Amino acid sequence: MTLRLFRFVPFMLLVAAAPPALAARPLTGEEQMGLTCASAFALVAAGQARGDAGMAQYPPLAQRGREYFVRLAAQLMDDAGLDQAGLRAAAEARTAPLRRSGVAGVMPACLAALDRELPQPTR
């Protein structure tokens, strides 16, 4: 099954604008957690789009989750030297366990990170 994370992200435009990476370095724990959260947000957003009742307990994540991923992807390309293939592989590695066990275990920490990075607009 292909990673749906990239289905709703204008990823190719992001990658096309990035300079070629010289050599990727291993991701830090914080960067790995960021990818875990981006993957969880994508899974939740996809579930919400399908009308999955279990995903309705989370705030809408299509827009903010996508923005979180776009910013993280740009950071990983710049800081860790990941290219498109490296980013895809790293994201898939973080998504696979979430597909098996679900997102509930990571969502509290991930939603807190999302609120720090992209606070919800106030009305």
PDB file of N, CA and C in Angstrom:
ATOM      1  N   MET A   1       0.853  -1.179   0.000  1.00  0.00           N
ATOM      2  CA  MET A   1       0.000   0.000   0.000  1.00  0.00           C
ATOM      3  C   MET A   1       0.898   1.241   0.000  1.00  0.00           C
ATOM      4  N   THR A   2       0.595   2.175  -0.853  1.00  0.00           N
ATOM      5  CA  THR A   2       1.420   3.376  -0.931  1.00  0.00           C
ATOM      6  C   THR A   2       1.103   4.306   0.216  1.00  0.00           C
ATOM      7  N   LEU A   3       2.031   5.131   0.506  1.00  0.00           N
ATOM      8  CA  LEU A   3       1.882   6.074   1.607  1.00  0.00           C
ATOM      9  C   LEU A   3       0.938   7.197   1.185  1.00  0.00           C
ATOM     10  N   ARG A   4      -0.192   7.289   1.862  1.00  0.00           N
ATOM     11  CA  ARG A   4      -1.187   8.302   1.517  1.00  0.00           C
ATOM     12  C   ARG A   4      -0.794   9.678   2.011  1.00  0.00           C
ATOM     13  N   LEU A   5       0.241   9.722   2.802  1.00  0.00           N
ATOM     14  CA  LEU A   5       0.720  10.991   3.342  1.00  0.00           C
ATOM     15  C   LEU A   5       0.974  11.984   2.218  1.00  0.00           C
ATOM     16  N   PHE A   6       1.505  11.525   1.109  1.00  0.00           N
ATOM     17  CA  PHE A   6       1.883  12.414   0.024  1.00  0.00           C
ATOM     18  C   PHE A   6       0.726  12.719  -0.913  1.00  0.00           C
ATOM     19  N   ARG A   7      -0.397  12.039  -0.720  1.00  0.00           N
ATOM     20  CA  ARG A   7      -1.532  12.237  -1.606  1.00  0.00           C
ATOM     21  C   ARG A   7      -2.055  13.656  -1.531  1.00  0.00           C
ATOM     22  N   PHE A   8      -2.073  14.243  -0.365  1.00  0.00           N
ATOM     23  CA  PHE A   8      -2.671  15.566  -0.236  1.00  0.00           C
ATOM     24  C   PHE A   8      -1.638  16.647   0.030  1.00  0.00           C
ATOM     25  N   VAL A   9      -0.389  16.370  -0.224  1.00  0.00           N
ATOM     26  CA  VAL A   9       0.666  17.354  -0.025  1.00  0.00           C
ATOM     27  C   VAL A   9       1.264  17.706  -1.379  1.00  0.00           C
ATOM     28  N   PRO A  10       1.404  18.979  -1.669  1.00  0.00           N
ATOM     29  CA  PRO A  10       2.040  19.350  -2.941  1.00  0.00           C
ATOM     30  C   PRO A  10       3.537  19.068  -2.876  1.00  0.00           C
ATOM     31  N   PHE A  11       3.835  17.814  -2.592  1.00  0.00           N
ATOM     32  CA  PHE A  11       5.196  17.387  -2.298  1.00  0.00           C
ATOM     33  C   PHE A  11       6.139  17.573  -3.489  1.00  0.00           C
ATOM     34  N   MET A  12       5.686  17.248  -4.665  1.00  0.00           N
ATOM     35  CA  MET A  12       6.568  17.333  -5.827  1.00  0.00           C
ATOM     36  C   MET A  12       7.034  18.767  -6.062  1.00  0.00           C
ATOM     37  N   LEU A  13       6.187  19.738  -5.813  1.00  0.00           N
ATOM     38  CA  LEU A  13       6.598  21.131  -5.965  1.00  0.00           C
ATOM     39  C   LEU A  13       7.656  21.493  -4.939  1.00  0.00           C
ATOM     40  N   LEU A  14       7.487  20.998  -3.727  1.00  0.00           N
ATOM     41  CA  LEU A  14       8.455  21.249  -2.672  1.00  0.00           C
ATOM     42  C   LEU A  14       9.808  20.650  -3.028  1.00  0.00           C
ATOM     43  N   VAL A  15       9.790  19.423  -3.512  1.00  0.00           N
ATOM     44  CA  VAL A  15      11.035  18.741  -3.853  1.00  0.00           C
ATOM     45  C   VAL A  15      11.693  19.384  -5.069  1.00  0.00           C
ATOM     46  N   ALA A  16      10.895  19.763  -6.047  1.00  0.00           N
ATOM     47  CA  ALA A  16      11.457  20.350  -7.258  1.00  0.00           C
ATOM     48  C   ALA A  16      12.172  21.661  -6.971  1.00  0.00           C
ATOM     49  N   ALA A  17      11.717  22.380  -5.950  1.00  0.00           N
ATOM     50  CA  ALA A  17      12.324  23.661  -5.617  1.00  0.00           C
ATOM     51  C   ALA A  17      13.564  23.516  -4.744  1.00  0.00           C
ATOM     52  N   ALA A  18      13.769  22.332  -4.180  1.00  0.00           N
ATOM     53  CA  ALA A  18      14.887  22.128  -3.258  1.00  0.00           C
ATOM     54  C   ALA A  18      16.165  21.818  -4.020  1.00  0.00           C
ATOM     55  N   PRO A  19      17.296  22.341  -3.553  1.00  0.00           N
ATOM     56  CA  PRO A  19      18.556  21.987  -4.186  1.00  0.00           C
ATOM     57  C   PRO A  19      18.894  20.530  -3.890  1.00  0.00           C
ATOM     58  N   PRO A  20      19.689  19.888  -4.745  1.00  0.00           N
ATOM     59  CA  PRO A  20      20.027  18.497  -4.489  1.00  0.00           C
ATOM     60  C   PRO A  20      20.815  18.339  -3.191  1.00  0.00           C
ATOM     61  N   ALA A  21      20.515  17.282  -2.470  1.00  0.00           N
ATOM     62  CA  ALA A  21      21.202  17.019  -1.206  1.00  0.00           C
ATOM     63  C   ALA A  21      22.563  16.393  -1.469  1.00  0.00           C
ATOM     64  N   LEU A  22      23.529  16.733  -0.635  1.00  0.00           N
ATOM     65  CA  LEU A  22      24.851  16.141  -0.767  1.00  0.00           C
ATOM     66  C   LEU A  22      24.879  14.768  -0.114  1.00  0.00           C
ATOM     67  N   ALA A  23      24.633  14.707   1.158  1.00  0.00           N
ATOM     68  CA  ALA A  23      24.599  13.431   1.871  1.00  0.00           C
ATOM     69  C   ALA A  23      23.700  13.594   3.081  1.00  0.00           C
ATOM     70  N   ALA A  24      22.765  12.705   3.207  1.00  0.00           N
ATOM     71  CA  ALA A  24      21.846  12.780   4.331  1.00  0.00           C
ATOM     72  C   ALA A  24      22.527  12.256   5.589  1.00  0.00           C
ATOM     73  N   ARG A  25      22.180  12.861   6.701  1.00  0.00           N
ATOM     74  CA  ARG A  25      22.663  12.385   7.991  1.00  0.00           C
ATOM     75  C   ARG A  25      21.515  11.665   8.673  1.00  0.00           C
ATOM     76  N   PRO A  26      21.806  10.845   9.667  1.00  0.00           N
ATOM     77  CA  PRO A  26      20.718  10.187  10.399  1.00  0.00           C
ATOM     78  C   PRO A  26      19.829  11.237  11.073  1.00  0.00           C
ATOM     79  N   LEU A  27      18.552  10.933  11.154  1.00  0.00           N
ATOM     80  CA  LEU A  27      17.617  11.855  11.783  1.00  0.00           C
ATOM     81  C   LEU A  27      17.751  11.787  13.297  1.00  0.00           C
ATOM     82  N   THR A  28      17.583  12.945  13.910  1.00  0.00           N
ATOM     83  CA  THR A  28      17.591  13.005  15.378  1.00  0.00           C
ATOM     84  C   THR A  28      16.279  12.415  15.897  1.00  0.00           C
ATOM     85  N   GLY A  29      16.219  12.156  17.179  1.00  0.00           N
ATOM     86  CA  GLY A  29      14.989  11.667  17.783  1.00  0.00           C
ATOM     87  C   GLY A  29      13.845  12.640  17.602  1.00  0.00           C
ATOM     88  N   GLU A  30      14.148  13.924  17.721  1.00  0.00           N
ATOM     89  CA  GLU A  30      13.121  14.951  17.537  1.00  0.00           C
ATOM     90  C   GLU A  30      12.608  14.960  16.103  1.00  0.00           C
ATOM     91  N   GLU A  31      13.497  14.807  15.140  1.00  0.00           N
ATOM     92  CA  GLU A  31      13.084  14.777  13.735  1.00  0.00           C
ATOM     93  C   GLU A  31      12.255  13.522  13.445  1.00  0.00           C
ATOM     94  N   GLN A  32      12.653  12.401  14.030  1.00  0.00           N
ATOM     95  CA  GLN A  32      11.882  11.174  13.849  1.00  0.00           C
ATOM     96  C   GLN A  32      10.484  11.326  14.441  1.00  0.00           C
ATOM     97  N   MET A  33      10.413  11.947  15.616  1.00  0.00           N
ATOM     98  CA  MET A  33       9.104  12.169  16.237  1.00  0.00           C
ATOM     99  C   MET A  33       8.268  13.104  15.369  1.00  0.00           C
ATOM    100  N   GLY A  34       8.895  14.109  14.780  1.00  0.00           N
ATOM    101  CA  GLY A  34       8.175  14.997  13.870  1.00  0.00           C
ATOM    102  C   GLY A  34       7.566  14.231  12.707  1.00  0.00           C
ATOM    103  N   LEU A  35       8.333  13.289  12.149  1.00  0.00           N
ATOM    104  CA  LEU A  35       7.799  12.468  11.060  1.00  0.00           C
ATOM    105  C   LEU A  35       6.690  11.543  11.550  1.00  0.00           C
ATOM    106  N   THR A  36       6.836  11.030  12.755  1.00  0.00           N
ATOM    107  CA  THR A  36       5.771  10.207  13.325  1.00  0.00           C
ATOM    108  C   THR A  36       4.493  11.029  13.430  1.00  0.00           C
ATOM    109  N   CYS A  37       4.616  12.247  13.918  1.00  0.00           N
ATOM    110  CA  CYS A  37       3.437  13.109  14.047  1.00  0.00           C
ATOM    111  C   CYS A  37       2.849  13.458  12.684  1.00  0.00           C
ATOM    112  N   ALA A  38       3.698  13.806  11.729  1.00  0.00           N
ATOM    113  CA  ALA A  38       3.196  14.117  10.393  1.00  0.00           C
ATOM    114  C   ALA A  38       2.457  12.921   9.811  1.00  0.00           C
ATOM    115  N   SER A  39       2.985  11.734  10.045  1.00  0.00           N
ATOM    116  CA  SER A  39       2.332  10.515   9.563  1.00  0.00           C
ATOM    117  C   SER A  39       1.004  10.300  10.276  1.00  0.00           C
ATOM    118  N   ALA A  40       0.986  10.504  11.577  1.00  0.00           N
ATOM    119  CA  ALA A  40      -0.259  10.350  12.341  1.00  0.00           C
ATOM    120  C   ALA A  40      -1.302  11.353  11.861  1.00  0.00           C
ATOM    121  N   PHE A  41      -0.884  12.585  11.616  1.00  0.00           N
ATOM    122  CA  PHE A  41      -1.820  13.600  11.135  1.00  0.00           C
ATOM    123  C   PHE A  41      -2.399  13.200   9.779  1.00  0.00           C
ATOM    124  N   ALA A  42      -1.559  12.646   8.910  1.00  0.00           N
ATOM    125  CA  ALA A  42      -2.042  12.225   7.597  1.00  0.00           C
ATOM    126  C   ALA A  42      -3.038  11.080   7.721  1.00  0.00           C
ATOM    127  N   LEU A  43      -2.747  10.129   8.604  1.00  0.00           N
ATOM    128  CA  LEU A  43      -3.673   9.008   8.799  1.00  0.00           C
ATOM    129  C   LEU A  43      -5.005   9.484   9.379  1.00  0.00           C
ATOM    130  N   VAL A  44      -4.938  10.394  10.337  1.00  0.00           N
ATOM    131  CA  VAL A  44      -6.167  10.933  10.925  1.00  0.00           C
ATOM    132  C   VAL A  44      -6.942  11.725   9.876  1.00  0.00           C
ATOM    133  N   ALA A  45      -6.266  12.587   9.133  1.00  0.00           N
ATOM    134  CA  ALA A  45      -6.948  13.391   8.106  1.00  0.00           C
ATOM    135  C   ALA A  45      -7.608  12.495   7.064  1.00  0.00           C
ATOM    136  N   ALA A  46      -6.929  11.424   6.663  1.00  0.00           N
ATOM    137  CA  ALA A  46      -7.518  10.497   5.691  1.00  0.00           C
ATOM    138  C   ALA A  46      -8.739   9.814   6.296  1.00  0.00           C
ATOM    139  N   GLY A  47      -8.643   9.423   7.558  1.00  0.00           N
ATOM    140  CA  GLY A  47      -9.790   8.820   8.229  1.00  0.00           C
ATOM    141  C   GLY A  47     -10.944   9.789   8.362  1.00  0.00           C
ATOM    142  N   GLN A  48     -10.637  11.027   8.683  1.00  0.00           N
ATOM    143  CA  GLN A  48     -11.685  12.041   8.793  1.00  0.00           C
ATOM    144  C   GLN A  48     -12.363  12.263   7.441  1.00  0.00           C
ATOM    145  N   ALA A  49     -11.581  12.259   6.374  1.00  0.00           N
ATOM    146  CA  ALA A  49     -12.153  12.451   5.040  1.00  0.00           C
ATOM    147  C   ALA A  49     -13.069  11.292   4.652  1.00  0.00           C
ATOM    148  N   ARG A  50     -12.758  10.090   5.155  1.00  0.00           N
ATOM    149  CA  ARG A  50     -13.599   8.914   4.882  1.00  0.00           C
ATOM    150  C   ARG A  50     -14.804   8.845   5.806  1.00  0.00           C
ATOM    151  N   GLY A  51     -14.852   9.719   6.810  1.00  0.00           N
ATOM    152  CA  GLY A  51     -15.949   9.686   7.765  1.00  0.00           C
ATOM    153  C   GLY A  51     -15.754   8.669   8.871  1.00  0.00           C
ATOM    154  N   ASP A  52     -14.523   8.258   9.123  1.00  0.00           N
ATOM    155  CA  ASP A  52     -14.201   7.291  10.178  1.00  0.00           C
ATOM    156  C   ASP A  52     -14.537   7.905  11.534  1.00  0.00           C
ATOM    157  N   ALA A  53     -15.496   7.307  12.226  1.00  0.00           N
ATOM    158  CA  ALA A  53     -15.956   7.850  13.507  1.00  0.00           C
ATOM    159  C   ALA A  53     -14.836   7.906  14.538  1.00  0.00           C
ATOM    160  N   GLY A  54     -13.903   6.976  14.508  1.00  0.00           N
ATOM    161  CA  GLY A  54     -12.792   6.974  15.456  1.00  0.00           C
ATOM    162  C   GLY A  54     -11.862   8.159  15.287  1.00  0.00           C
ATOM    163  N   MET A  55     -11.838   8.739  14.118  1.00  0.00           N
ATOM    164  CA  MET A  55     -10.958   9.877  13.865  1.00  0.00           C
ATOM    165  C   MET A  55     -11.637  11.212  14.158  1.00  0.00           C
ATOM    166  N   ALA A  56     -12.939  11.177  14.414  1.00  0.00           N
ATOM    167  CA  ALA A  56     -13.690  12.402  14.699  1.00  0.00           C
ATOM    168  C   ALA A  56     -13.341  12.976  16.071  1.00  0.00           C
ATOM    169  N   GLN A  57     -12.707  12.174  16.920  1.00  0.00           N
ATOM    170  CA  GLN A  57     -12.325  12.660  18.247  1.00  0.00           C
ATOM    171  C   GLN A  57     -11.174  13.671  18.191  1.00  0.00           C
ATOM    172  N   TYR A  58     -10.499  13.731  17.058  1.00  0.00           N
ATOM    173  CA  TYR A  58      -9.369  14.647  16.893  1.00  0.00           C
ATOM    174  C   TYR A  58      -9.820  15.895  16.141  1.00  0.00           C
ATOM    175  N   PRO A  59      -9.107  17.000  16.341  1.00  0.00           N
ATOM    176  CA  PRO A  59      -9.461  18.204  15.566  1.00  0.00           C
ATOM    177  C   PRO A  59      -9.229  17.952  14.079  1.00  0.00           C
ATOM    178  N   PRO A  60      -9.892  18.695  13.222  1.00  0.00           N
ATOM    179  CA  PRO A  60      -9.661  18.540  11.783  1.00  0.00           C
ATOM    180  C   PRO A  60      -8.174  18.740  11.477  1.00  0.00           C
ATOM    181  N   LEU A  61      -7.587  17.796  10.746  1.00  0.00           N
ATOM    182  CA  LEU A  61      -6.148  17.843  10.530  1.00  0.00           C
ATOM    183  C   LEU A  61      -5.732  17.952   9.063  1.00  0.00           C
ATOM    184  N   ALA A  62      -6.678  18.035   8.150  1.00  0.00           N
ATOM    185  CA  ALA A  62      -6.298  18.109   6.741  1.00  0.00           C
ATOM    186  C   ALA A  62      -5.399  19.311   6.473  1.00  0.00           C
ATOM    187  N   GLN A  63      -5.805  20.479   6.885  1.00  0.00           N
ATOM    188  CA  GLN A  63      -5.038  21.693   6.579  1.00  0.00           C
ATOM    189  C   GLN A  63      -3.814  21.849   7.478  1.00  0.00           C
ATOM    190  N   ARG A  64      -4.011  21.822   8.789  1.00  0.00           N
ATOM    191  CA  ARG A  64      -2.876  22.032   9.703  1.00  0.00           C
ATOM    192  C   ARG A  64      -1.883  20.876   9.627  1.00  0.00           C
ATOM    193  N   GLY A  65      -2.373  19.664   9.462  1.00  0.00           N
ATOM    194  CA  GLY A  65      -1.476  18.510   9.338  1.00  0.00           C
ATOM    195  C   GLY A  65      -0.626  18.598   8.086  1.00  0.00           C
ATOM    196  N   ARG A  66      -1.235  19.039   7.007  1.00  0.00           N
ATOM    197  CA  ARG A  66      -0.484  19.206   5.746  1.00  0.00           C
ATOM    198  C   ARG A  66       0.583  20.282   5.904  1.00  0.00           C
ATOM    199  N   GLU A  67       0.228  21.409   6.516  1.00  0.00           N
ATOM    200  CA  GLU A  67       1.191  22.493   6.723  1.00  0.00           C
ATOM    201  C   GLU A  67       2.335  22.033   7.629  1.00  0.00           C
ATOM    202  N   TYR A  68       2.001  21.275   8.662  1.00  0.00           N
ATOM    203  CA  TYR A  68       3.029  20.733   9.556  1.00  0.00           C
ATOM    204  C   TYR A  68       4.022  19.888   8.754  1.00  0.00           C
ATOM    205  N   PHE A  69       3.489  19.020   7.884  1.00  0.00           N
ATOM    206  CA  PHE A  69       4.368  18.170   7.082  1.00  0.00           C
ATOM    207  C   PHE A  69       5.215  18.988   6.114  1.00  0.00           C
ATOM    208  N   VAL A  70       4.624  19.952   5.460  1.00  0.00           N
ATOM    209  CA  VAL A  70       5.370  20.761   4.487  1.00  0.00           C
ATOM    210  C   VAL A  70       6.548  21.457   5.170  1.00  0.00           C
ATOM    211  N   ARG A  71       6.286  22.034   6.340  1.00  0.00           N
ATOM    212  CA  ARG A  71       7.360  22.709   7.071  1.00  0.00           C
ATOM    213  C   ARG A  71       8.429  21.719   7.532  1.00  0.00           C
ATOM    214  N   LEU A  72       7.996  20.570   8.035  1.00  0.00           N
ATOM    215  CA  LEU A  72       8.939  19.559   8.488  1.00  0.00           C
ATOM    216  C   LEU A  72       9.769  19.030   7.323  1.00  0.00           C
ATOM    217  N   ALA A  73       9.123  18.767   6.198  1.00  0.00           N
ATOM    218  CA  ALA A  73       9.839  18.265   5.023  1.00  0.00           C
ATOM    219  C   ALA A  73      10.920  19.253   4.576  1.00  0.00           C
ATOM    220  N   ALA A  74      10.571  20.524   4.537  1.00  0.00           N
ATOM    221  CA  ALA A  74      11.559  21.537   4.141  1.00  0.00           C
ATOM    222  C   ALA A  74      12.717  21.563   5.130  1.00  0.00           C
ATOM    223  N   GLN A  75      12.399  21.464   6.411  1.00  0.00           N
ATOM    224  CA  GLN A  75      13.450  21.454   7.434  1.00  0.00           C
ATOM    225  C   GLN A  75      14.348  20.231   7.286  1.00  0.00           C
ATOM    226  N   LEU A  76      13.757  19.069   7.053  1.00  0.00           N
ATOM    227  CA  LEU A  76      14.557  17.849   6.918  1.00  0.00           C
ATOM    228  C   LEU A  76      15.418  17.867   5.658  1.00  0.00           C
ATOM    229  N   MET A  77      14.921  18.474   4.618  1.00  0.00           N
ATOM    230  CA  MET A  77      15.721  18.601   3.403  1.00  0.00           C
ATOM    231  C   MET A  77      16.903  19.533   3.643  1.00  0.00           C
ATOM    232  N   ASP A  78      16.649  20.631   4.335  1.00  0.00           N
ATOM    233  CA  ASP A  78      17.708  21.597   4.603  1.00  0.00           C
ATOM    234  C   ASP A  78      18.696  21.104   5.663  1.00  0.00           C
ATOM    235  N   ASP A  79      18.169  20.653   6.796  1.00  0.00           N
ATOM    236  CA  ASP A  79      19.019  20.327   7.941  1.00  0.00           C
ATOM    237  C   ASP A  79      19.629  18.930   7.873  1.00  0.00           C
ATOM    238  N   ALA A  80      18.850  17.945   7.434  1.00  0.00           N
ATOM    239  CA  ALA A  80      19.335  16.564   7.438  1.00  0.00           C
ATOM    240  C   ALA A  80      19.834  16.117   6.067  1.00  0.00           C
ATOM    241  N   GLY A  81      19.608  16.948   5.053  1.00  0.00           N
ATOM    242  CA  GLY A  81      20.093  16.605   3.713  1.00  0.00           C
ATOM    243  C   GLY A  81      19.280  15.530   3.014  1.00  0.00           C
ATOM    244  N   LEU A  82      18.023  15.348   3.434  1.00  0.00           N
ATOM    245  CA  LEU A  82      17.202  14.332   2.783  1.00  0.00           C
ATOM    246  C   LEU A  82      16.755  14.805   1.405  1.00  0.00           C
ATOM    247  N   ASP A  83      16.720  13.868   0.477  1.00  0.00           N
ATOM    248  CA  ASP A  83      16.126  14.141  -0.822  1.00  0.00           C
ATOM    249  C   ASP A  83      14.737  13.514  -0.838  1.00  0.00           C
ATOM    250  N   GLN A  84      14.072  13.543  -1.975  1.00  0.00           N
ATOM    251  CA  GLN A  84      12.710  13.023  -2.063  1.00  0.00           C
ATOM    252  C   GLN A  84      12.657  11.562  -1.638  1.00  0.00           C
ATOM    253  N   ALA A  85      13.547  10.753  -2.132  1.00  0.00           N
ATOM    254  CA  ALA A  85      13.540   9.323  -1.804  1.00  0.00           C
ATOM    255  C   ALA A  85      13.815   9.094  -0.322  1.00  0.00           C
ATOM    256  N   GLY A  86      14.747   9.842   0.226  1.00  0.00           N
ATOM    257  CA  GLY A  86      15.073   9.702   1.644  1.00  0.00           C
ATOM    258  C   GLY A  86      13.920  10.128   2.531  1.00  0.00           C
ATOM    259  N   LEU A  87      13.258  11.203   2.158  1.00  0.00           N
ATOM    260  CA  LEU A  87      12.113  11.682   2.928  1.00  0.00           C
ATOM    261  C   LEU A  87      10.968  10.681   2.855  1.00  0.00           C
ATOM    262  N   ARG A  88      10.723  10.160   1.678  1.00  0.00           N
ATOM    263  CA  ARG A  88       9.656   9.168   1.504  1.00  0.00           C
ATOM    264  C   ARG A  88       9.955   7.921   2.342  1.00  0.00           C
ATOM    265  N   ALA A  89      11.181   7.440   2.293  1.00  0.00           N
ATOM    266  CA  ALA A  89      11.553   6.241   3.059  1.00  0.00           C
ATOM    267  C   ALA A  89      11.423   6.486   4.563  1.00  0.00           C
ATOM    268  N   ALA A  90      11.880   7.644   5.015  1.00  0.00           N
ATOM    269  CA  ALA A  90      11.792   7.960   6.446  1.00  0.00           C
ATOM    270  C   ALA A  90      10.339   8.070   6.883  1.00  0.00           C
ATOM    271  N   ALA A  91       9.502   8.695   6.063  1.00  0.00           N
ATOM    272  CA  ALA A  91       8.082   8.834   6.403  1.00  0.00           C
ATOM    273  C   ALA A  91       7.396   7.468   6.406  1.00  0.00           C
ATOM    274  N   GLU A  92       7.704   6.634   5.450  1.00  0.00           N
ATOM    275  CA  GLU A  92       7.105   5.301   5.401  1.00  0.00           C
ATOM    276  C   GLU A  92       7.508   4.480   6.621  1.00  0.00           C
ATOM    277  N   ALA A  93       8.763   4.608   7.041  1.00  0.00           N
ATOM    278  CA  ALA A  93       9.234   3.873   8.215  1.00  0.00           C
ATOM    279  C   ALA A  93       8.501   4.313   9.479  1.00  0.00           C
ATOM    280  N   ARG A  94       8.142   5.582   9.565  1.00  0.00           N
ATOM    281  CA  ARG A  94       7.423   6.085  10.741  1.00  0.00           C
ATOM    282  C   ARG A  94       5.922   5.800  10.649  1.00  0.00           C
ATOM    283  N   THR A  95       5.391   5.628   9.444  1.00  0.00           N
ATOM    284  CA  THR A  95       3.964   5.384   9.252  1.00  0.00           C
ATOM    285  C   THR A  95       3.596   3.928   9.480  1.00  0.00           C
ATOM    286  N   ALA A  96       4.447   3.018   9.090  1.00  0.00           N
ATOM    287  CA  ALA A  96       4.121   1.583   9.168  1.00  0.00           C
ATOM    288  C   ALA A  96       3.669   1.152  10.570  1.00  0.00           C
ATOM    289  N   PRO A  97       4.378   1.515  11.633  1.00  0.00           N
ATOM    290  CA  PRO A  97       3.902   1.102  12.961  1.00  0.00           C
ATOM    291  C   PRO A  97       2.546   1.723  13.332  1.00  0.00           C
ATOM    292  N   LEU A  98       2.288   2.929  12.855  1.00  0.00           N
ATOM    293  CA  LEU A  98       1.007   3.583  13.145  1.00  0.00           C
ATOM    294  C   LEU A  98      -0.148   2.876  12.448  1.00  0.00           C
ATOM    295  N   ARG A  99       0.121   2.357  11.275  1.00  0.00           N
ATOM    296  CA  ARG A  99      -0.919   1.608  10.561  1.00  0.00           C
ATOM    297  C   ARG A  99      -1.265   0.335  11.326  1.00  0.00           C
ATOM    298  N   ARG A 100      -0.260  -0.273  11.958  1.00  0.00           N
ATOM    299  CA  ARG A 100      -0.494  -1.516  12.703  1.00  0.00           C
ATOM    300  C   ARG A 100      -1.152  -1.269  14.052  1.00  0.00           C
ATOM    301  N   SER A 101      -0.647  -0.288  14.800  1.00  0.00           N
ATOM    302  CA  SER A 101      -1.101  -0.121  16.185  1.00  0.00           C
ATOM    303  C   SER A 101      -2.062   1.043  16.386  1.00  0.00           C
ATOM    304  N   GLY A 102      -2.215   1.889  15.407  1.00  0.00           N
ATOM    305  CA  GLY A 102      -3.091   3.046  15.541  1.00  0.00           C
ATOM    306  C   GLY A 102      -2.336   4.277  16.016  1.00  0.00           C
ATOM    307  N   VAL A 103      -3.027   5.391  16.044  1.00  0.00           N
ATOM    308  CA  VAL A 103      -2.404   6.679  16.347  1.00  0.00           C
ATOM    309  C   VAL A 103      -2.662   7.166  17.765  1.00  0.00           C
ATOM    310  N   ALA A 104      -3.535   6.490  18.488  1.00  0.00           N
ATOM    311  CA  ALA A 104      -3.953   6.989  19.807  1.00  0.00           C
ATOM    312  C   ALA A 104      -2.783   7.221  20.752  1.00  0.00           C
ATOM    313  N   GLY A 105      -1.789   6.386  20.712  1.00  0.00           N
ATOM    314  CA  GLY A 105      -0.655   6.514  21.630  1.00  0.00           C
ATOM    315  C   GLY A 105       0.208   7.739  21.395  1.00  0.00           C
ATOM    316  N   VAL A 106       0.248   8.233  20.166  1.00  0.00           N
ATOM    317  CA  VAL A 106       1.105   9.379  19.864  1.00  0.00           C
ATOM    318  C   VAL A 106       0.346  10.694  19.748  1.00  0.00           C
ATOM    319  N   MET A 107      -0.958  10.631  19.617  1.00  0.00           N
ATOM    320  CA  MET A 107      -1.710  11.855  19.343  1.00  0.00           C
ATOM    321  C   MET A 107      -1.620  12.918  20.434  1.00  0.00           C
ATOM    322  N   PRO A 108      -1.632  12.596  21.720  1.00  0.00           N
ATOM    323  CA  PRO A 108      -1.515  13.685  22.699  1.00  0.00           C
ATOM    324  C   PRO A 108      -0.223  14.500  22.511  1.00  0.00           C
ATOM    325  N   ALA A 109       0.896  13.833  22.380  1.00  0.00           N
ATOM    326  CA  ALA A 109       2.169  14.543  22.181  1.00  0.00           C
ATOM    327  C   ALA A 109       2.192  15.246  20.829  1.00  0.00           C
ATOM    328  N   CYS A 110       1.650  14.606  19.818  1.00  0.00           N
ATOM    329  CA  CYS A 110       1.660  15.196  18.476  1.00  0.00           C
ATOM    330  C   CYS A 110       0.757  16.427  18.386  1.00  0.00           C
ATOM    331  N   LEU A 111      -0.406  16.357  19.015  1.00  0.00           N
ATOM    332  CA  LEU A 111      -1.288  17.531  18.996  1.00  0.00           C
ATOM    333  C   LEU A 111      -0.662  18.691  19.766  1.00  0.00           C
ATOM    334  N   ALA A 112       0.053  18.389  20.844  1.00  0.00           N
ATOM    335  CA  ALA A 112       0.752  19.449  21.579  1.00  0.00           C
ATOM    336  C   ALA A 112       1.834  20.071  20.691  1.00  0.00           C
ATOM    337  N   ALA A 113       2.563  19.232  19.952  1.00  0.00           N
ATOM    338  CA  ALA A 113       3.591  19.741  19.040  1.00  0.00           C
ATOM    339  C   ALA A 113       2.962  20.576  17.927  1.00  0.00           C
ATOM    340  N   LEU A 114       1.827  20.126  17.417  1.00  0.00           N
ATOM    341  CA  LEU A 114       1.131  20.867  16.370  1.00  0.00           C
ATOM    342  C   LEU A 114       0.698  22.233  16.883  1.00  0.00           C
ATOM    343  N   ASP A 115       0.161  22.273  18.100  1.00  0.00           N
ATOM    344  CA  ASP A 115      -0.266  23.554  18.671  1.00  0.00           C
ATOM    345  C   ASP A 115       0.917  24.494  18.910  1.00  0.00           C
ATOM    346  N   ARG A 116       2.085  23.942  19.245  1.00  0.00           N
ATOM    347  CA  ARG A 116       3.280  24.787  19.402  1.00  0.00           C
ATOM    348  C   ARG A 116       3.749  25.337  18.050  1.00  0.00           C
ATOM    349  N   GLU A 117       3.757  24.475  17.052  1.00  0.00           N
ATOM    350  CA  GLU A 117       4.255  24.854  15.724  1.00  0.00           C
ATOM    351  C   GLU A 117       3.264  25.698  14.937  1.00  0.00           C
ATOM    352  N   LEU A 118       2.005  25.314  14.999  1.00  0.00           N
ATOM    353  CA  LEU A 118       0.951  25.982  14.230  1.00  0.00           C
ATOM    354  C   LEU A 118      -0.261  26.201  15.115  1.00  0.00           C
ATOM    355  N   PRO A 119      -0.234  27.228  15.943  1.00  0.00           N
ATOM    356  CA  PRO A 119      -1.377  27.463  16.827  1.00  0.00           C
ATOM    357  C   PRO A 119      -2.656  27.624  16.023  1.00  0.00           C
ATOM    358  N   GLN A 120      -3.749  27.142  16.603  1.00  0.00           N
ATOM    359  CA  GLN A 120      -5.040  27.294  15.953  1.00  0.00           C
ATOM    360  C   GLN A 120      -5.395  28.772  15.888  1.00  0.00           C
ATOM    361  N   PRO A 121      -5.926  29.203  14.761  1.00  0.00           N
ATOM    362  CA  PRO A 121      -6.345  30.601  14.665  1.00  0.00           C
ATOM    363  C   PRO A 121      -7.464  30.894  15.663  1.00  0.00           C
ATOM    364  N   THR A 122      -7.384  32.057  16.260  1.00  0.00           N
ATOM    365  CA  THR A 122      -8.452  32.469  17.192  1.00  0.00           C
ATOM    366  C   THR A 122      -9.516  33.226  16.414  1.00  0.00           C
ATOM    367  N   ARG A 123     -10.720  33.094  16.896  1.00  0.00           N
ATOM    368  CA  ARG A 123     -11.823  33.779  16.190  1.00  0.00           C
ATOM    369  C   ARG A 123     -12.324  34.922  16.988  1.00  0.00           C
TER     370      ARG A 123
END
